[in-house]
Amino acid sequence: MRKRFDIVLLDADETVYDFKLAEKTAVSLTLRKFGVEPTDEVVTLYSAINLSCWKALERGELSREDLKPYRFQRLFESLGAESVDYASVNDTYEGNLAHQAFLLDGALEFVKKLHEHCKIYLATNGLTIPQTGRFNKAAVRPYVDGIYISEQIGHSKPDKAYFDYIFTDLGITDKSRVIMVGDSLTSDMLGGRNAGLTTCHYLNGEEPSKSDLCDYEIAAYDEFFDILFE
């Protein structure tokens, strides 16, 4: 069998990490400290607000620094909660999130097996403190060759500049030997397409999108090896 790719750029959250569980745990700890009871409804509201802020960041409508306190400001105002120092809330949340390195079922086995054949780099739009902390604690750490965090790079997926930074840093000249794998159409797949990469959409329980942004779509990790080899 011939191997198609030498390098896999692998999204982190909801592709390898169970971010929903990590977020719920970290935001619950944080809100209790600032006097808000983290009911399921409150945590769900935060998650929706946070996601909308990250989508705005992807579209260039919100800066990374503004995003951090703004998501908590929106939450507290939506709840009619007492105004607090939202930057402090964010700092507390990032510190809590840095300890939550939960993996999706099967992710560790997938990364271990993939590492036998390819270089693996996590490509994430996350923030430096939580993503670095989670990466260093995660069981996949020994099998991953590096991590590229958007806050450190200064650009976010799907911006081509994010991927150009990675290409330069790794000395990549033949992009045909690189594939982007991730769960998000708007950051991973669009970003990979903007950068001229082959793209593989990890569905993570979702229905197939059949988007023209995806060269491949997989419902389970093991399906990727049918793509990797021919």
C-alpha atoms as a PDB file:
ATOM      1  CA  MET A   1       0.000   0.000   0.000  1.00  0.00           C
ATOM      2  CA  ARG A   2       1.173   3.493  -0.796  1.00  0.00           C
ATOM      3  CA  LYS A   3       0.825   6.235   1.793  1.00  0.00           C
ATOM      4  CA  ARG A   4      -0.846   9.411   0.502  1.00  0.00           C
ATOM      5  CA  PHE A   5       0.105  11.816   3.309  1.00  0.00           C
ATOM      6  CA  ASP A   6       3.129  12.380   5.514  1.00  0.00           C
ATOM      7  CA  ILE A   7       1.669  15.081   7.775  1.00  0.00           C
ATOM      8  CA  VAL A   8      -1.766  15.259   9.396  1.00  0.00           C
ATOM      9  CA  LEU A   9      -2.975  18.587  10.738  1.00  0.00           C
ATOM     10  CA  LEU A  10      -5.513  17.468  13.296  1.00  0.00           C
ATOM     11  CA  ASP A  11      -8.049  19.787  14.871  1.00  0.00           C
ATOM     12  CA  ALA A  12      -8.178  19.532  18.659  1.00  0.00           C
ATOM     13  CA  ASP A  13     -11.612  20.252  20.122  1.00  0.00           C
ATOM     14  CA  GLU A  14     -14.403  17.875  19.159  1.00  0.00           C
ATOM     15  CA  THR A  15     -11.972  16.035  16.874  1.00  0.00           C
ATOM     16  CA  VAL A  16      -9.618  14.705  19.557  1.00  0.00           C
ATOM     17  CA  TYR A  17     -10.693  16.394  22.792  1.00  0.00           C
ATOM     18  CA  ASP A  18     -14.168  16.209  24.319  1.00  0.00           C
ATOM     19  CA  PHE A  19     -14.515  19.972  24.507  1.00  0.00           C
ATOM     20  CA  LYS A  20     -18.174  19.913  25.550  1.00  0.00           C
ATOM     21  CA  LEU A  21     -17.286  18.069  28.745  1.00  0.00           C
ATOM     22  CA  ALA A  22     -14.210  20.226  29.335  1.00  0.00           C
ATOM     23  CA  GLU A  23     -16.200  23.423  28.830  1.00  0.00           C
ATOM     24  CA  LYS A  24     -19.033  22.314  31.114  1.00  0.00           C
ATOM     25  CA  THR A  25     -16.597  21.399  33.883  1.00  0.00           C
ATOM     26  CA  ALA A  26     -14.521  24.583  33.609  1.00  0.00           C
ATOM     27  CA  VAL A  27     -17.416  27.007  33.261  1.00  0.00           C
ATOM     28  CA  SER A  28     -19.236  25.411  36.210  1.00  0.00           C
ATOM     29  CA  LEU A  29     -16.208  25.869  38.459  1.00  0.00           C
ATOM     30  CA  THR A  30     -15.803  29.448  37.252  1.00  0.00           C
ATOM     31  CA  LEU A  31     -19.395  30.600  37.609  1.00  0.00           C
ATOM     32  CA  ARG A  32     -19.693  29.259  41.155  1.00  0.00           C
ATOM     33  CA  LYS A  33     -16.693  31.360  42.144  1.00  0.00           C
ATOM     34  CA  PHE A  34     -18.445  34.470  40.840  1.00  0.00           C
ATOM     35  CA  GLY A  35     -21.792  33.772  42.445  1.00  0.00           C
ATOM     36  CA  VAL A  36     -23.706  32.227  39.544  1.00  0.00           C
ATOM     37  CA  GLU A  37     -25.250  28.762  39.876  1.00  0.00           C
ATOM     38  CA  PRO A  38     -24.179  26.712  36.819  1.00  0.00           C
ATOM     39  CA  THR A  39     -27.442  24.978  36.004  1.00  0.00           C
ATOM     40  CA  ASP A  40     -27.692  23.016  32.772  1.00  0.00           C
ATOM     41  CA  GLU A  41     -29.603  25.934  31.240  1.00  0.00           C
ATOM     42  CA  VAL A  42     -26.901  28.432  32.221  1.00  0.00           C
ATOM     43  CA  VAL A  43     -24.080  26.241  30.920  1.00  0.00           C
ATOM     44  CA  THR A  44     -25.972  25.680  27.655  1.00  0.00           C
ATOM     45  CA  LEU A  45     -26.487  29.443  27.303  1.00  0.00           C
ATOM     46  CA  TYR A  46     -22.773  30.083  27.865  1.00  0.00           C
ATOM     47  CA  SER A  47     -21.857  27.445  25.295  1.00  0.00           C
ATOM     48  CA  ALA A  48     -24.106  29.066  22.680  1.00  0.00           C
ATOM     49  CA  ILE A  49     -22.717  32.531  23.418  1.00  0.00           C
ATOM     50  CA  ASN A  50     -19.138  31.273  23.325  1.00  0.00           C
ATOM     51  CA  LEU A  51     -19.692  29.493  20.004  1.00  0.00           C
ATOM     52  CA  SER A  52     -21.231  32.607  18.451  1.00  0.00           C
ATOM     53  CA  CYS A  53     -18.223  34.647  19.590  1.00  0.00           C
ATOM     54  CA  TRP A  54     -15.771  32.180  18.022  1.00  0.00           C
ATOM     55  CA  LYS A  55     -17.754  32.220  14.767  1.00  0.00           C
ATOM     56  CA  ALA A  56     -17.516  36.017  14.827  1.00  0.00           C
ATOM     57  CA  LEU A  57     -13.761  35.676  15.312  1.00  0.00           C
ATOM     58  CA  GLU A  58     -13.545  33.352  12.297  1.00  0.00           C
ATOM     59  CA  ARG A  59     -15.383  35.974  10.224  1.00  0.00           C
ATOM     60  CA  GLY A  60     -13.047  38.728  11.415  1.00  0.00           C
ATOM     61  CA  GLU A  61     -15.828  40.527  13.302  1.00  0.00           C
ATOM     62  CA  LEU A  62     -14.343  40.140  16.791  1.00  0.00           C
ATOM     63  CA  SER A  63     -10.771  40.195  18.024  1.00  0.00           C
ATOM     64  CA  ARG A  64      -9.377  37.444  20.206  1.00  0.00           C
ATOM     65  CA  GLU A  65      -8.712  39.823  23.099  1.00  0.00           C
ATOM     66  CA  ASP A  66     -12.234  41.251  22.936  1.00  0.00           C
ATOM     67  CA  LEU A  67     -13.741  37.779  22.734  1.00  0.00           C
ATOM     68  CA  LYS A  68     -12.341  36.673  26.096  1.00  0.00           C
ATOM     69  CA  PRO A  69     -14.285  38.999  28.447  1.00  0.00           C
ATOM     70  CA  TYR A  70     -17.143  39.715  26.037  1.00  0.00           C
ATOM     71  CA  ARG A  71     -18.558  36.189  26.134  1.00  0.00           C
ATOM     72  CA  PHE A  72     -18.888  36.396  29.930  1.00  0.00           C
ATOM     73  CA  GLN A  73     -20.279  39.905  29.799  1.00  0.00           C
ATOM     74  CA  ARG A  74     -22.991  38.683  27.441  1.00  0.00           C
ATOM     75  CA  LEU A  75     -23.735  35.736  29.716  1.00  0.00           C
ATOM     76  CA  PHE A  76     -23.992  37.767  32.916  1.00  0.00           C
ATOM     77  CA  GLU A  77     -26.123  40.425  31.234  1.00  0.00           C
ATOM     78  CA  SER A  78     -28.411  37.768  29.734  1.00  0.00           C
ATOM     79  CA  LEU A  79     -28.908  36.293  33.209  1.00  0.00           C
ATOM     80  CA  GLY A  80     -29.415  39.672  34.859  1.00  0.00           C
ATOM     81  CA  ALA A  81     -26.503  38.804  37.131  1.00  0.00           C
ATOM     82  CA  GLU A  82     -24.482  41.366  39.029  1.00  0.00           C
ATOM     83  CA  SER A  83     -21.774  43.009  36.950  1.00  0.00           C
ATOM     84  CA  VAL A  84     -18.248  41.812  37.734  1.00  0.00           C
ATOM     85  CA  ASP A  85     -14.720  42.128  36.341  1.00  0.00           C
ATOM     86  CA  TYR A  86     -15.220  40.046  33.200  1.00  0.00           C
ATOM     87  CA  ALA A  87     -11.499  39.882  32.494  1.00  0.00           C
ATOM     88  CA  SER A  88     -11.065  38.180  35.878  1.00  0.00           C
ATOM     89  CA  VAL A  89     -13.892  35.772  35.073  1.00  0.00           C
ATOM     90  CA  ASN A  90     -12.156  34.890  31.810  1.00  0.00           C
ATOM     91  CA  ASP A  91      -8.768  34.417  33.484  1.00  0.00           C
ATOM     92  CA  THR A  92     -10.350  32.079  36.024  1.00  0.00           C
ATOM     93  CA  TYR A  93     -12.114  30.155  33.276  1.00  0.00           C
ATOM     94  CA  GLU A  94      -8.936  29.753  31.218  1.00  0.00           C
ATOM     95  CA  GLY A  95      -7.101  28.466  34.282  1.00  0.00           C
ATOM     96  CA  ASN A  96      -9.860  25.951  34.994  1.00  0.00           C
ATOM     97  CA  LEU A  97     -10.078  24.846  31.375  1.00  0.00           C
ATOM     98  CA  ALA A  98      -6.329  24.212  31.250  1.00  0.00           C
ATOM     99  CA  HIS A  99      -6.859  21.192  33.540  1.00  0.00           C
ATOM    100  CA  GLN A 100      -9.647  19.542  31.505  1.00  0.00           C
ATOM    101  CA  ALA A 101      -7.954  17.157  29.045  1.00  0.00           C
ATOM    102  CA  PHE A 102     -10.848  14.798  28.343  1.00  0.00           C
ATOM    103  CA  LEU A 103     -10.608  12.859  25.066  1.00  0.00           C
ATOM    104  CA  LEU A 104     -13.362  11.650  22.766  1.00  0.00           C
ATOM    105  CA  ASP A 105     -13.972   7.908  22.787  1.00  0.00           C
ATOM    106  CA  GLY A 106     -11.423   6.182  20.575  1.00  0.00           C
ATOM    107  CA  ALA A 107      -9.271   9.288  20.081  1.00  0.00           C
ATOM    108  CA  LEU A 108      -6.252   7.962  21.951  1.00  0.00           C
ATOM    109  CA  GLU A 109      -6.206   4.695  20.020  1.00  0.00           C
ATOM    110  CA  PHE A 110      -6.603   6.596  16.752  1.00  0.00           C
ATOM    111  CA  VAL A 111      -3.735   8.995  17.437  1.00  0.00           C
ATOM    112  CA  LYS A 112      -1.452   6.187  18.623  1.00  0.00           C
ATOM    113  CA  LYS A 113      -2.093   4.187  15.457  1.00  0.00           C
ATOM    114  CA  LEU A 114      -1.811   7.236  13.195  1.00  0.00           C
ATOM    115  CA  HIS A 115       1.501   8.195  14.797  1.00  0.00           C
ATOM    116  CA  GLU A 116       3.005   4.972  13.474  1.00  0.00           C
ATOM    117  CA  HIS A 117       2.575   6.292   9.931  1.00  0.00           C
ATOM    118  CA  CYS A 118       2.548  10.116   9.975  1.00  0.00           C
ATOM    119  CA  LYS A 119       3.694  13.231  11.717  1.00  0.00           C
ATOM    120  CA  ILE A 120       0.762  14.679  13.666  1.00  0.00           C
ATOM    121  CA  TYR A 121       0.285  18.329  14.584  1.00  0.00           C
ATOM    122  CA  LEU A 122      -2.725  19.673  16.426  1.00  0.00           C
ATOM    123  CA  ALA A 123      -4.097  22.766  14.689  1.00  0.00           C
ATOM    124  CA  THR A 124      -6.397  24.676  17.014  1.00  0.00           C
ATOM    125  CA  ASN A 125      -8.166  28.010  17.244  1.00  0.00           C
ATOM    126  CA  GLY A 126      -7.995  27.838  21.026  1.00  0.00           C
ATOM    127  CA  LEU A 127      -6.299  30.148  23.503  1.00  0.00           C
ATOM    128  CA  THR A 128      -2.714  29.635  24.665  1.00  0.00           C
ATOM    129  CA  ILE A 129      -3.163  28.962  28.395  1.00  0.00           C
ATOM    130  CA  PRO A 130      -5.962  26.384  28.227  1.00  0.00           C
ATOM    131  CA  GLN A 131      -4.747  24.672  25.066  1.00  0.00           C
ATOM    132  CA  THR A 132      -1.166  24.359  26.288  1.00  0.00           C
ATOM    133  CA  GLY A 133      -2.307  23.069  29.664  1.00  0.00           C
ATOM    134  CA  ARG A 134      -4.703  20.532  28.164  1.00  0.00           C
ATOM    135  CA  PHE A 135      -2.126  19.387  25.593  1.00  0.00           C
ATOM    136  CA  ASN A 136       0.488  18.734  28.261  1.00  0.00           C
ATOM    137  CA  LYS A 137      -2.002  16.756  30.376  1.00  0.00           C
ATOM    138  CA  ALA A 138      -3.639  14.785  27.561  1.00  0.00           C
ATOM    139  CA  ALA A 139      -2.926  11.109  27.067  1.00  0.00           C
ATOM    140  CA  VAL A 140      -2.298  11.771  23.342  1.00  0.00           C
ATOM    141  CA  ARG A 141       0.671  14.033  24.122  1.00  0.00           C
ATOM    142  CA  PRO A 142       3.424  11.404  23.507  1.00  0.00           C
ATOM    143  CA  TYR A 143       2.027  10.644  20.052  1.00  0.00           C
ATOM    144  CA  VAL A 144       1.670  14.205  18.771  1.00  0.00           C
ATOM    145  CA  ASP A 145       4.641  16.016  17.255  1.00  0.00           C
ATOM    146  CA  GLY A 146       3.501  19.543  18.057  1.00  0.00           C
ATOM    147  CA  ILE A 147       0.632  21.972  18.467  1.00  0.00           C
ATOM    148  CA  TYR A 148      -0.208  25.211  16.659  1.00  0.00           C
ATOM    149  CA  ILE A 149      -2.422  27.553  18.674  1.00  0.00           C
ATOM    150  CA  SER A 150      -4.048  30.487  16.917  1.00  0.00           C
ATOM    151  CA  GLU A 151      -3.451  32.927  19.779  1.00  0.00           C
ATOM    152  CA  GLN A 152       0.300  32.260  19.594  1.00  0.00           C
ATOM    153  CA  ILE A 153       0.383  32.491  15.811  1.00  0.00           C
ATOM    154  CA  GLY A 154      -1.693  35.673  15.614  1.00  0.00           C
ATOM    155  CA  HIS A 155      -4.051  34.246  12.983  1.00  0.00           C
ATOM    156  CA  SER A 156      -7.002  31.872  13.222  1.00  0.00           C
ATOM    157  CA  LYS A 157      -8.493  29.192  11.010  1.00  0.00           C
ATOM    158  CA  PRO A 158      -9.846  29.597   8.342  1.00  0.00           C
ATOM    159  CA  ASP A 159      -7.359  32.396   7.559  1.00  0.00           C
ATOM    160  CA  LYS A 160      -4.765  31.222   5.039  1.00  0.00           C
ATOM    161  CA  ALA A 161      -2.121  33.051   7.098  1.00  0.00           C
ATOM    162  CA  TYR A 162      -2.638  30.568   9.941  1.00  0.00           C
ATOM    163  CA  PHE A 163      -1.687  27.687   7.681  1.00  0.00           C
ATOM    164  CA  ASP A 164       1.117  29.624   5.970  1.00  0.00           C
ATOM    165  CA  TYR A 165       2.732  30.005   9.391  1.00  0.00           C
ATOM    166  CA  ILE A 166       2.624  26.234   9.872  1.00  0.00           C
ATOM    167  CA  PHE A 167       4.032  25.569   6.394  1.00  0.00           C
ATOM    168  CA  THR A 168       6.936  27.917   7.047  1.00  0.00           C
ATOM    169  CA  ASP A 169       7.610  26.587  10.526  1.00  0.00           C
ATOM    170  CA  LEU A 170       7.681  22.969   9.337  1.00  0.00           C
ATOM    171  CA  GLY A 171       9.435  23.716   6.056  1.00  0.00           C
ATOM    172  CA  ILE A 172       6.551  22.259   4.060  1.00  0.00           C
ATOM    173  CA  THR A 173       6.962  22.747   0.320  1.00  0.00           C
ATOM    174  CA  ASP A 174       4.747  19.950  -0.992  1.00  0.00           C
ATOM    175  CA  LYS A 175       1.241  20.577   0.370  1.00  0.00           C
ATOM    176  CA  SER A 176      -0.084  17.523  -1.459  1.00  0.00           C
ATOM    177  CA  ARG A 177       1.492  15.424   1.302  1.00  0.00           C
ATOM    178  CA  VAL A 178      -0.495  17.227   4.028  1.00  0.00           C
ATOM    179  CA  ILE A 179      -4.147  16.716   5.028  1.00  0.00           C
ATOM    180  CA  MET A 180      -6.356  18.761   7.367  1.00  0.00           C
ATOM    181  CA  VAL A 181      -8.706  16.695   9.543  1.00  0.00           C
ATOM    182  CA  GLY A 182     -11.348  18.341  11.702  1.00  0.00           C
ATOM    183  CA  ASP A 183     -14.979  18.587  12.705  1.00  0.00           C
ATOM    184  CA  SER A 184     -15.711  22.190  11.672  1.00  0.00           C
ATOM    185  CA  LEU A 185     -16.734  23.168   8.166  1.00  0.00           C
ATOM    186  CA  THR A 186     -16.221  26.881   8.839  1.00  0.00           C
ATOM    187  CA  SER A 187     -12.728  26.692  10.339  1.00  0.00           C
ATOM    188  CA  ASP A 188     -11.086  23.334   9.542  1.00  0.00           C
ATOM    189  CA  MET A 189     -12.527  22.552   6.118  1.00  0.00           C
ATOM    190  CA  LEU A 190     -12.719  26.119   4.824  1.00  0.00           C
ATOM    191  CA  GLY A 191      -9.283  26.807   6.284  1.00  0.00           C
ATOM    192  CA  GLY A 192      -7.799  23.740   4.661  1.00  0.00           C
ATOM    193  CA  ARG A 193      -9.374  24.657   1.358  1.00  0.00           C
ATOM    194  CA  ASN A 194      -8.066  28.257   1.631  1.00  0.00           C
ATOM    195  CA  ALA A 195      -4.582  26.865   2.247  1.00  0.00           C
ATOM    196  CA  GLY A 196      -4.686  24.472  -0.712  1.00  0.00           C
ATOM    197  CA  LEU A 197      -4.824  21.310   1.403  1.00  0.00           C
ATOM    198  CA  THR A 198      -6.728  18.079   1.088  1.00  0.00           C
ATOM    199  CA  THR A 199      -9.501  18.135   3.680  1.00  0.00           C
ATOM    200  CA  CYS A 200     -11.193  15.405   5.728  1.00  0.00           C
ATOM    201  CA  HIS A 201     -14.304  16.199   7.732  1.00  0.00           C
ATOM    202  CA  TYR A 202     -14.672  14.217  10.968  1.00  0.00           C
ATOM    203  CA  LEU A 203     -18.425  14.047  11.536  1.00  0.00           C
ATOM    204  CA  ASN A 204     -18.294  13.312  15.279  1.00  0.00           C
ATOM    205  CA  GLY A 205     -21.843  12.004  15.349  1.00  0.00           C
ATOM    206  CA  GLU A 206     -23.257  14.500  12.872  1.00  0.00           C
ATOM    207  CA  GLU A 207     -24.884  13.684   9.551  1.00  0.00           C
ATOM    208  CA  PRO A 208     -22.704  13.863   6.397  1.00  0.00           C
ATOM    209  CA  SER A 209     -22.535  17.425   5.115  1.00  0.00           C
ATOM    210  CA  LYS A 210     -21.679  16.583   1.502  1.00  0.00           C
ATOM    211  CA  SER A 211     -20.016  20.003   1.400  1.00  0.00           C
ATOM    212  CA  ASP A 212     -17.703  20.848  -1.474  1.00  0.00           C
ATOM    213  CA  LEU A 213     -15.231  22.042   1.173  1.00  0.00           C
ATOM    214  CA  CYS A 214     -14.536  18.395   2.050  1.00  0.00           C
ATOM    215  CA  ASP A 215     -12.505  15.991  -0.032  1.00  0.00           C
ATOM    216  CA  TYR A 216     -13.490  13.249   2.402  1.00  0.00           C
ATOM    217  CA  GLU A 217     -15.910  12.735   5.270  1.00  0.00           C
ATOM    218  CA  ILE A 218     -15.530  10.072   7.948  1.00  0.00           C
ATOM    219  CA  ALA A 219     -17.953   8.948  10.635  1.00  0.00           C
ATOM    220  CA  ALA A 220     -15.376   6.905  12.578  1.00  0.00           C
ATOM    221  CA  TYR A 221     -11.638   7.289  13.165  1.00  0.00           C
ATOM    222  CA  ASP A 222     -10.715   3.976  11.551  1.00  0.00           C
ATOM    223  CA  GLU A 223     -12.193   5.138   8.254  1.00  0.00           C
ATOM    224  CA  PHE A 224      -9.322   7.578   7.935  1.00  0.00           C
ATOM    225  CA  PHE A 225      -6.835   4.797   7.254  1.00  0.00           C
ATOM    226  CA  ASP A 226      -8.706   3.938   4.043  1.00  0.00           C
ATOM    227  CA  ILE A 227      -7.926   7.506   2.982  1.00  0.00           C
ATOM    228  CA  LEU A 228      -4.331   7.493   4.198  1.00  0.00           C
ATOM    229  CA  PHE A 229      -3.385   4.442   2.168  1.00  0.00           C
ATOM    230  CA  GLU A 230      -4.117   3.458  -1.412  1.00  0.00           C
END
